[in-house]
């Protein structure tokens, strides 16, 4: 069994994560605080239990999903200065290994917030312990899908300036996290709620809400959400492997 791709993922993630954490350790705290802003607003504005639960489930998906998009898009900016990409692409590294390594290096920043969301949801009986495996799996698939999408887009923006890349990551965050029904019910979309299924974030959020018994799904609808989420992830990873212009041309 060839374990080289997995070793490459570990090496790349380590090369990119450890120096950042040593240089800016407070970033972990800042990102964790930012991920809780929707929950704070909901609580202090007198949100009901259902609204607080939506904020919790949305926070799980949003915090991890946004870090996947942002790290994939903005990573190219950092590579321009430290030239890590040039070193890596000179070696026989698979593009999937490279993209996963980059994404995993930044996932660490979202992990504290996600763990706190999970802990709060479990302690207060919002999520039953038996559902934690399914919740983690759905969020992981969402993160992988968004990381793939961000990485593919970033490779086509190699000549863009830093401000453009930062703005792009913010726009993608709005499109995939705040516009879809992640922090609110897809029923608010009325007769267009079927469109929500095309977003990996709304699929993951809907599955989590189902496991939290906020909005129970039929077995057929739950299966559909899982299939679309898995398919979206596979397609995004396939695009990384086939379409990403990650090597210098």
C-alpha atoms as a PDB file:
ATOM      1  CA  UNK A   1       0.000   0.000   0.000  1.00  0.00           C
ATOM      2  CA  UNK A   2       1.421   3.359  -1.069  1.00  0.00           C
ATOM      3  CA  UNK A   3       1.337   5.717   1.908  1.00  0.00           C
ATOM      4  CA  UNK A   4       3.356   8.478   0.261  1.00  0.00           C
ATOM      5  CA  UNK A   5       0.324  10.709  -0.526  1.00  0.00           C
ATOM      6  CA  UNK A   6      -0.724  10.614   3.147  1.00  0.00           C
ATOM      7  CA  UNK A   7       2.833  11.348   4.289  1.00  0.00           C
ATOM      8  CA  UNK A   8       2.950  14.282   1.877  1.00  0.00           C
ATOM      9  CA  UNK A   9      -0.274  15.647   3.370  1.00  0.00           C
ATOM     10  CA  UNK A  10       1.208  15.455   6.865  1.00  0.00           C
ATOM     11  CA  UNK A  11       4.506  17.084   5.859  1.00  0.00           C
ATOM     12  CA  UNK A  12       2.838  19.952   3.976  1.00  0.00           C
ATOM     13  CA  UNK A  13       0.332  20.571   6.769  1.00  0.00           C
ATOM     14  CA  UNK A  14       3.147  20.657   9.324  1.00  0.00           C
ATOM     15  CA  UNK A  15       5.280  23.004   7.225  1.00  0.00           C
ATOM     16  CA  UNK A  16       2.423  25.463   6.942  1.00  0.00           C
ATOM     17  CA  UNK A  17       0.730  25.164  10.344  1.00  0.00           C
ATOM     18  CA  UNK A  18       3.531  25.172  12.910  1.00  0.00           C
ATOM     19  CA  UNK A  19       5.318  28.375  11.757  1.00  0.00           C
ATOM     20  CA  UNK A  20       1.988  30.259  11.628  1.00  0.00           C
ATOM     21  CA  UNK A  21       0.999  29.160  15.133  1.00  0.00           C
ATOM     22  CA  UNK A  22       4.396  30.101  16.556  1.00  0.00           C
ATOM     23  CA  UNK A  23       4.329  33.466  14.830  1.00  0.00           C
ATOM     24  CA  UNK A  24       0.686  34.372  15.583  1.00  0.00           C
ATOM     25  CA  UNK A  25      -0.630  32.237  18.483  1.00  0.00           C
ATOM     26  CA  UNK A  26      -3.448  34.704  19.219  1.00  0.00           C
ATOM     27  CA  UNK A  27      -4.986  33.938  15.824  1.00  0.00           C
ATOM     28  CA  UNK A  28      -6.501  30.774  17.316  1.00  0.00           C
ATOM     29  CA  UNK A  29      -8.301  32.845  19.959  1.00  0.00           C
ATOM     30  CA  UNK A  30      -9.457  35.508  17.482  1.00  0.00           C
ATOM     31  CA  UNK A  31     -10.893  33.001  14.998  1.00  0.00           C
ATOM     32  CA  UNK A  32     -12.646  31.137  17.814  1.00  0.00           C
ATOM     33  CA  UNK A  33     -14.210  34.384  19.060  1.00  0.00           C
ATOM     34  CA  UNK A  34     -15.343  35.418  15.569  1.00  0.00           C
ATOM     35  CA  UNK A  35     -17.070  32.085  15.012  1.00  0.00           C
ATOM     36  CA  UNK A  36     -19.219  32.747  18.105  1.00  0.00           C
ATOM     37  CA  UNK A  37     -20.447  36.196  17.041  1.00  0.00           C
ATOM     38  CA  UNK A  38     -23.757  34.894  15.538  1.00  0.00           C
ATOM     39  CA  UNK A  39     -24.433  32.968  18.755  1.00  0.00           C
ATOM     40  CA  UNK A  40     -23.748  36.030  20.908  1.00  0.00           C
ATOM     41  CA  UNK A  41     -26.087  38.218  18.859  1.00  0.00           C
ATOM     42  CA  UNK A  42     -28.827  35.589  18.942  1.00  0.00           C
ATOM     43  CA  UNK A  43     -28.548  35.177  22.708  1.00  0.00           C
ATOM     44  CA  UNK A  44     -28.390  38.862  23.656  1.00  0.00           C
ATOM     45  CA  UNK A  45     -31.250  39.745  21.338  1.00  0.00           C
ATOM     46  CA  UNK A  46     -33.459  37.314  23.220  1.00  0.00           C
ATOM     47  CA  UNK A  47     -33.370  34.418  20.809  1.00  0.00           C
ATOM     48  CA  UNK A  48     -35.533  31.405  21.605  1.00  0.00           C
ATOM     49  CA  UNK A  49     -34.056  27.959  22.108  1.00  0.00           C
ATOM     50  CA  UNK A  50     -34.728  27.050  18.475  1.00  0.00           C
ATOM     51  CA  UNK A  51     -32.952  30.181  17.247  1.00  0.00           C
ATOM     52  CA  UNK A  52     -29.992  29.507  19.529  1.00  0.00           C
ATOM     53  CA  UNK A  53     -29.832  25.973  18.195  1.00  0.00           C
ATOM     54  CA  UNK A  54     -29.790  27.271  14.638  1.00  0.00           C
ATOM     55  CA  UNK A  55     -26.921  29.574  15.622  1.00  0.00           C
ATOM     56  CA  UNK A  56     -25.028  26.631  17.139  1.00  0.00           C
ATOM     57  CA  UNK A  57     -25.490  24.319  14.178  1.00  0.00           C
ATOM     58  CA  UNK A  58     -24.730  27.134  11.759  1.00  0.00           C
ATOM     59  CA  UNK A  59     -21.600  27.977  13.725  1.00  0.00           C
ATOM     60  CA  UNK A  60     -20.332  24.412  13.433  1.00  0.00           C
ATOM     61  CA  UNK A  61     -20.634  24.495   9.664  1.00  0.00           C
ATOM     62  CA  UNK A  62     -19.691  28.139   9.182  1.00  0.00           C
ATOM     63  CA  UNK A  63     -16.509  28.188  11.233  1.00  0.00           C
ATOM     64  CA  UNK A  64     -15.027  25.105   9.580  1.00  0.00           C
ATOM     65  CA  UNK A  65     -16.359  25.885   6.107  1.00  0.00           C
ATOM     66  CA  UNK A  66     -15.065  29.442   6.033  1.00  0.00           C
ATOM     67  CA  UNK A  67     -11.568  28.451   7.132  1.00  0.00           C
ATOM     68  CA  UNK A  68     -11.503  25.927   4.281  1.00  0.00           C
ATOM     69  CA  UNK A  69     -12.451  28.551   1.698  1.00  0.00           C
ATOM     70  CA  UNK A  70     -10.265  31.310   3.099  1.00  0.00           C
ATOM     71  CA  UNK A  71      -7.139  29.198   3.533  1.00  0.00           C
ATOM     72  CA  UNK A  72      -7.414  27.762   0.039  1.00  0.00           C
ATOM     73  CA  UNK A  73      -7.887  31.149  -1.614  1.00  0.00           C
ATOM     74  CA  UNK A  74      -5.450  33.167   0.477  1.00  0.00           C
ATOM     75  CA  UNK A  75      -2.708  30.532   0.645  1.00  0.00           C
ATOM     76  CA  UNK A  76      -1.446  31.579  -2.760  1.00  0.00           C
ATOM     77  CA  UNK A  77      -0.667  35.039  -1.342  1.00  0.00           C
ATOM     78  CA  UNK A  78       1.623  33.631   1.330  1.00  0.00           C
ATOM     79  CA  UNK A  79       3.323  31.327  -1.181  1.00  0.00           C
ATOM     80  CA  UNK A  80       4.450  34.333  -3.181  1.00  0.00           C
ATOM     81  CA  UNK A  81       6.637  35.464  -0.298  1.00  0.00           C
ATOM     82  CA  UNK A  82       7.997  32.286   1.246  1.00  0.00           C
ATOM     83  CA  UNK A  83       8.184  30.347  -2.039  1.00  0.00           C
ATOM     84  CA  UNK A  84       7.003  27.101  -0.415  1.00  0.00           C
ATOM     85  CA  UNK A  85       4.907  26.254  -3.458  1.00  0.00           C
ATOM     86  CA  UNK A  86       7.968  26.414  -5.712  1.00  0.00           C
ATOM     87  CA  UNK A  87       9.785  23.949  -3.468  1.00  0.00           C
ATOM     88  CA  UNK A  88       6.842  21.565  -3.237  1.00  0.00           C
ATOM     89  CA  UNK A  89       5.943  21.508  -6.913  1.00  0.00           C
ATOM     90  CA  UNK A  90       9.556  20.638  -7.711  1.00  0.00           C
ATOM     91  CA  UNK A  91       8.967  17.362  -5.872  1.00  0.00           C
ATOM     92  CA  UNK A  92       6.710  14.466  -7.015  1.00  0.00           C
ATOM     93  CA  UNK A  93       3.718  15.624  -4.956  1.00  0.00           C
ATOM     94  CA  UNK A  94       0.153  14.900  -5.997  1.00  0.00           C
ATOM     95  CA  UNK A  95      -2.053  18.025  -6.218  1.00  0.00           C
ATOM     96  CA  UNK A  96      -4.600  16.404  -3.912  1.00  0.00           C
ATOM     97  CA  UNK A  97      -1.890  15.866  -1.299  1.00  0.00           C
ATOM     98  CA  UNK A  98      -0.826  19.481  -1.635  1.00  0.00           C
ATOM     99  CA  UNK A  99      -4.347  20.887  -1.347  1.00  0.00           C
ATOM    100  CA  UNK A 100      -5.255  18.644   1.588  1.00  0.00           C
ATOM    101  CA  UNK A 101      -2.040  19.612   3.358  1.00  0.00           C
ATOM    102  CA  UNK A 102      -2.797  23.313   2.880  1.00  0.00           C
ATOM    103  CA  UNK A 103      -6.402  22.897   4.054  1.00  0.00           C
ATOM    104  CA  UNK A 104      -5.488  20.772   7.071  1.00  0.00           C
ATOM    105  CA  UNK A 105      -2.886  23.294   8.184  1.00  0.00           C
ATOM    106  CA  UNK A 106      -5.611  25.914   8.596  1.00  0.00           C
ATOM    107  CA  UNK A 107      -8.283  23.557   9.911  1.00  0.00           C
ATOM    108  CA  UNK A 108      -6.435  23.635  13.213  1.00  0.00           C
ATOM    109  CA  UNK A 109      -7.502  27.267  13.642  1.00  0.00           C
ATOM    110  CA  UNK A 110     -11.188  26.350  13.389  1.00  0.00           C
ATOM    111  CA  UNK A 111     -10.922  23.271  15.604  1.00  0.00           C
ATOM    112  CA  UNK A 112     -11.246  25.014  19.015  1.00  0.00           C
ATOM    113  CA  UNK A 113     -14.462  26.774  18.000  1.00  0.00           C
ATOM    114  CA  UNK A 114     -15.931  23.608  16.506  1.00  0.00           C
ATOM    115  CA  UNK A 115     -15.069  21.596  19.623  1.00  0.00           C
ATOM    116  CA  UNK A 116     -16.721  24.223  21.826  1.00  0.00           C
ATOM    117  CA  UNK A 117     -19.851  24.209  19.628  1.00  0.00           C
ATOM    118  CA  UNK A 118     -20.009  20.410  19.856  1.00  0.00           C
ATOM    119  CA  UNK A 119     -19.466  20.476  23.624  1.00  0.00           C
ATOM    120  CA  UNK A 120     -22.189  23.080  24.238  1.00  0.00           C
ATOM    121  CA  UNK A 121     -24.626  21.226  21.997  1.00  0.00           C
ATOM    122  CA  UNK A 122     -23.975  17.935  23.786  1.00  0.00           C
ATOM    123  CA  UNK A 123     -23.992  19.283  27.352  1.00  0.00           C
ATOM    124  CA  UNK A 124     -27.297  21.109  26.840  1.00  0.00           C
ATOM    125  CA  UNK A 125     -28.907  18.117  25.161  1.00  0.00           C
ATOM    126  CA  UNK A 126     -29.184  19.686  21.709  1.00  0.00           C
ATOM    127  CA  UNK A 127     -27.191  16.906  20.075  1.00  0.00           C
ATOM    128  CA  UNK A 128     -27.462  13.325  21.366  1.00  0.00           C
ATOM    129  CA  UNK A 129     -24.030  11.708  21.858  1.00  0.00           C
ATOM    130  CA  UNK A 130     -24.992   8.957  19.407  1.00  0.00           C
ATOM    131  CA  UNK A 131     -25.172  11.509  16.581  1.00  0.00           C
ATOM    132  CA  UNK A 132     -21.720  13.050  17.065  1.00  0.00           C
ATOM    133  CA  UNK A 133     -20.058  10.765  14.534  1.00  0.00           C
ATOM    134  CA  UNK A 134     -22.573  11.732  11.843  1.00  0.00           C
ATOM    135  CA  UNK A 135     -22.256  15.428  12.702  1.00  0.00           C
ATOM    136  CA  UNK A 136     -18.460  15.359  12.476  1.00  0.00           C
ATOM    137  CA  UNK A 137     -18.629  13.432   9.192  1.00  0.00           C
ATOM    138  CA  UNK A 138     -21.029  15.926   7.612  1.00  0.00           C
ATOM    139  CA  UNK A 139     -18.935  18.928   8.682  1.00  0.00           C
ATOM    140  CA  UNK A 140     -15.747  17.232   7.475  1.00  0.00           C
ATOM    141  CA  UNK A 141     -17.269  16.590   4.048  1.00  0.00           C
ATOM    142  CA  UNK A 142     -18.458  20.200   3.884  1.00  0.00           C
ATOM    143  CA  UNK A 143     -14.980  21.440   4.774  1.00  0.00           C
ATOM    144  CA  UNK A 144     -13.368  19.191   2.132  1.00  0.00           C
ATOM    145  CA  UNK A 145     -15.798  20.363  -0.557  1.00  0.00           C
ATOM    146  CA  UNK A 146     -15.275  24.057   0.183  1.00  0.00           C
ATOM    147  CA  UNK A 147     -11.506  23.639   0.443  1.00  0.00           C
ATOM    148  CA  UNK A 148     -11.474  22.016  -2.980  1.00  0.00           C
ATOM    149  CA  UNK A 149     -13.586  24.794  -4.476  1.00  0.00           C
ATOM    150  CA  UNK A 150     -11.382  27.474  -2.941  1.00  0.00           C
ATOM    151  CA  UNK A 151      -8.176  25.790  -4.050  1.00  0.00           C
ATOM    152  CA  UNK A 152      -9.318  25.440  -7.668  1.00  0.00           C
ATOM    153  CA  UNK A 153     -10.351  29.101  -7.805  1.00  0.00           C
ATOM    154  CA  UNK A 154      -7.132  30.281  -6.174  1.00  0.00           C
ATOM    155  CA  UNK A 155      -4.959  28.598  -8.767  1.00  0.00           C
ATOM    156  CA  UNK A 156      -6.658  30.645 -11.471  1.00  0.00           C
ATOM    157  CA  UNK A 157      -5.963  33.849  -9.543  1.00  0.00           C
ATOM    158  CA  UNK A 158      -2.196  33.609  -9.330  1.00  0.00           C
ATOM    159  CA  UNK A 159      -1.740  37.061 -10.836  1.00  0.00           C
ATOM    160  CA  UNK A 160      -4.335  38.747  -8.608  1.00  0.00           C
ATOM    161  CA  UNK A 161      -3.183  41.178  -5.948  1.00  0.00           C
ATOM    162  CA  UNK A 162      -3.559  40.576  -2.231  1.00  0.00           C
ATOM    163  CA  UNK A 163      -6.648  42.758  -1.840  1.00  0.00           C
ATOM    164  CA  UNK A 164      -8.439  40.902  -4.629  1.00  0.00           C
ATOM    165  CA  UNK A 165      -7.700  37.531  -3.036  1.00  0.00           C
ATOM    166  CA  UNK A 166      -8.861  38.696   0.383  1.00  0.00           C
ATOM    167  CA  UNK A 167     -12.058  40.109  -1.101  1.00  0.00           C
ATOM    168  CA  UNK A 168     -12.609  36.897  -3.051  1.00  0.00           C
ATOM    169  CA  UNK A 169     -12.412  34.762   0.094  1.00  0.00           C
ATOM    170  CA  UNK A 170     -14.924  37.071   1.806  1.00  0.00           C
ATOM    171  CA  UNK A 171     -17.320  36.920  -1.151  1.00  0.00           C
ATOM    172  CA  UNK A 172     -17.093  33.133  -1.281  1.00  0.00           C
ATOM    173  CA  UNK A 173     -17.805  33.013   2.449  1.00  0.00           C
ATOM    174  CA  UNK A 174     -20.969  35.040   1.932  1.00  0.00           C
ATOM    175  CA  UNK A 175     -22.070  32.933  -1.043  1.00  0.00           C
ATOM    176  CA  UNK A 176     -21.531  29.569   0.629  1.00  0.00           C
ATOM    177  CA  UNK A 177     -22.107  30.297   4.318  1.00  0.00           C
ATOM    178  CA  UNK A 178     -24.296  33.342   4.948  1.00  0.00           C
ATOM    179  CA  UNK A 179     -26.641  33.358   1.954  1.00  0.00           C
ATOM    180  CA  UNK A 180     -27.659  29.647   2.046  1.00  0.00           C
ATOM    181  CA  UNK A 181     -29.845  28.396   4.929  1.00  0.00           C
ATOM    182  CA  UNK A 182     -26.995  27.617   7.303  1.00  0.00           C
ATOM    183  CA  UNK A 183     -27.917  29.908  10.203  1.00  0.00           C
ATOM    184  CA  UNK A 184     -31.642  29.812   9.422  1.00  0.00           C
ATOM    185  CA  UNK A 185     -34.262  27.385   8.106  1.00  0.00           C
ATOM    186  CA  UNK A 186     -34.402  26.604   4.408  1.00  0.00           C
ATOM    187  CA  UNK A 187     -38.179  26.979   4.675  1.00  0.00           C
ATOM    188  CA  UNK A 188     -37.621  30.747   4.482  1.00  0.00           C
ATOM    189  CA  UNK A 189     -36.758  30.204   0.818  1.00  0.00           C
ATOM    190  CA  UNK A 190     -40.372  29.162   0.229  1.00  0.00           C
ATOM    191  CA  UNK A 191     -40.906  27.378  -3.066  1.00  0.00           C
ATOM    192  CA  UNK A 192     -37.213  27.857  -3.892  1.00  0.00           C
ATOM    193  CA  UNK A 193     -35.972  25.903  -0.891  1.00  0.00           C
ATOM    194  CA  UNK A 194     -34.977  23.014  -3.145  1.00  0.00           C
ATOM    195  CA  UNK A 195     -32.119  25.236  -4.398  1.00  0.00           C
ATOM    196  CA  UNK A 196     -30.480  24.987  -0.965  1.00  0.00           C
ATOM    197  CA  UNK A 197     -29.487  21.402  -1.670  1.00  0.00           C
ATOM    198  CA  UNK A 198     -26.807  22.517  -4.154  1.00  0.00           C
ATOM    199  CA  UNK A 199     -24.743  24.085  -1.342  1.00  0.00           C
ATOM    200  CA  UNK A 200     -22.558  21.734   0.733  1.00  0.00           C
ATOM    201  CA  UNK A 201     -22.960  24.069   3.714  1.00  0.00           C
ATOM    202  CA  UNK A 202     -26.757  23.942   3.745  1.00  0.00           C
ATOM    203  CA  UNK A 203     -26.717  20.159   3.311  1.00  0.00           C
ATOM    204  CA  UNK A 204     -24.421  19.754   6.317  1.00  0.00           C
ATOM    205  CA  UNK A 205     -26.465  22.221   8.395  1.00  0.00           C
ATOM    206  CA  UNK A 206     -29.733  20.509   7.522  1.00  0.00           C
ATOM    207  CA  UNK A 207     -28.335  17.115   8.504  1.00  0.00           C
ATOM    208  CA  UNK A 208     -27.091  18.475  11.841  1.00  0.00           C
ATOM    209  CA  UNK A 209     -30.485  20.058  12.536  1.00  0.00           C
ATOM    210  CA  UNK A 210     -32.079  16.712  11.790  1.00  0.00           C
ATOM    211  CA  UNK A 211     -29.826  14.935  14.297  1.00  0.00           C
ATOM    212  CA  UNK A 212     -30.629  17.704  16.816  1.00  0.00           C
ATOM    213  CA  UNK A 213     -34.348  17.030  16.224  1.00  0.00           C
ATOM    214  CA  UNK A 214     -34.935  20.678  15.290  1.00  0.00           C
ATOM    215  CA  UNK A 215     -36.162  19.798  11.843  1.00  0.00           C
ATOM    216  CA  UNK A 216     -36.541  16.013  11.483  1.00  0.00           C
ATOM    217  CA  UNK A 217     -35.987  14.637   8.004  1.00  0.00           C
ATOM    218  CA  UNK A 218     -37.476  11.569   6.429  1.00  0.00           C
ATOM    219  CA  UNK A 219     -35.020   8.784   5.707  1.00  0.00           C
ATOM    220  CA  UNK A 220     -35.304   9.571   1.994  1.00  0.00           C
ATOM    221  CA  UNK A 221     -34.488  13.275   2.464  1.00  0.00           C
ATOM    222  CA  UNK A 222     -31.627  12.510   4.851  1.00  0.00           C
ATOM    223  CA  UNK A 223     -30.183  10.083   2.302  1.00  0.00           C
ATOM    224  CA  UNK A 224     -30.557  12.698  -0.431  1.00  0.00           C
ATOM    225  CA  UNK A 225     -28.671  15.306   1.624  1.00  0.00           C
ATOM    226  CA  UNK A 226     -25.887  12.810   2.313  1.00  0.00           C
ATOM    227  CA  UNK A 227     -25.614  11.771  -1.335  1.00  0.00           C
ATOM    228  CA  UNK A 228     -25.487  15.364  -2.594  1.00  0.00           C
ATOM    229  CA  UNK A 229     -22.929  16.320   0.060  1.00  0.00           C
ATOM    230  CA  UNK A 230     -20.713  13.345  -0.809  1.00  0.00           C
ATOM    231  CA  UNK A 231     -21.090  13.984  -4.546  1.00  0.00           C
ATOM    232  CA  UNK A 232     -20.193  17.661  -4.118  1.00  0.00           C
ATOM    233  CA  UNK A 233     -17.084  16.709  -2.176  1.00  0.00           C
ATOM    234  CA  UNK A 234     -15.978  14.154  -4.754  1.00  0.00           C
ATOM    235  CA  UNK A 235     -16.528  16.584  -7.631  1.00  0.00           C
ATOM    236  CA  UNK A 236     -14.547  19.346  -5.908  1.00  0.00           C
ATOM    237  CA  UNK A 237     -11.657  16.956  -5.205  1.00  0.00           C
ATOM    238  CA  UNK A 238     -11.762  15.718  -8.794  1.00  0.00           C
ATOM    239  CA  UNK A 239     -11.496  19.313  -9.992  1.00  0.00           C
ATOM    240  CA  UNK A 240      -8.468  19.814  -7.758  1.00  0.00           C
ATOM    241  CA  UNK A 241      -6.789  16.764  -9.262  1.00  0.00           C
ATOM    242  CA  UNK A 242      -7.677  17.530 -12.893  1.00  0.00           C
ATOM    243  CA  UNK A 243      -8.175  21.265 -13.346  1.00  0.00           C
ATOM    244  CA  UNK A 244      -6.008  22.969 -10.757  1.00  0.00           C
ATOM    245  CA  UNK A 245      -3.128  24.899 -12.291  1.00  0.00           C
ATOM    246  CA  UNK A 246      -0.933  24.290  -9.308  1.00  0.00           C
ATOM    247  CA  UNK A 247       2.305  23.725 -11.157  1.00  0.00           C
ATOM    248  CA  UNK A 248       4.257  26.578 -12.624  1.00  0.00           C
ATOM    249  CA  UNK A 249       3.615  26.715 -16.370  1.00  0.00           C
END
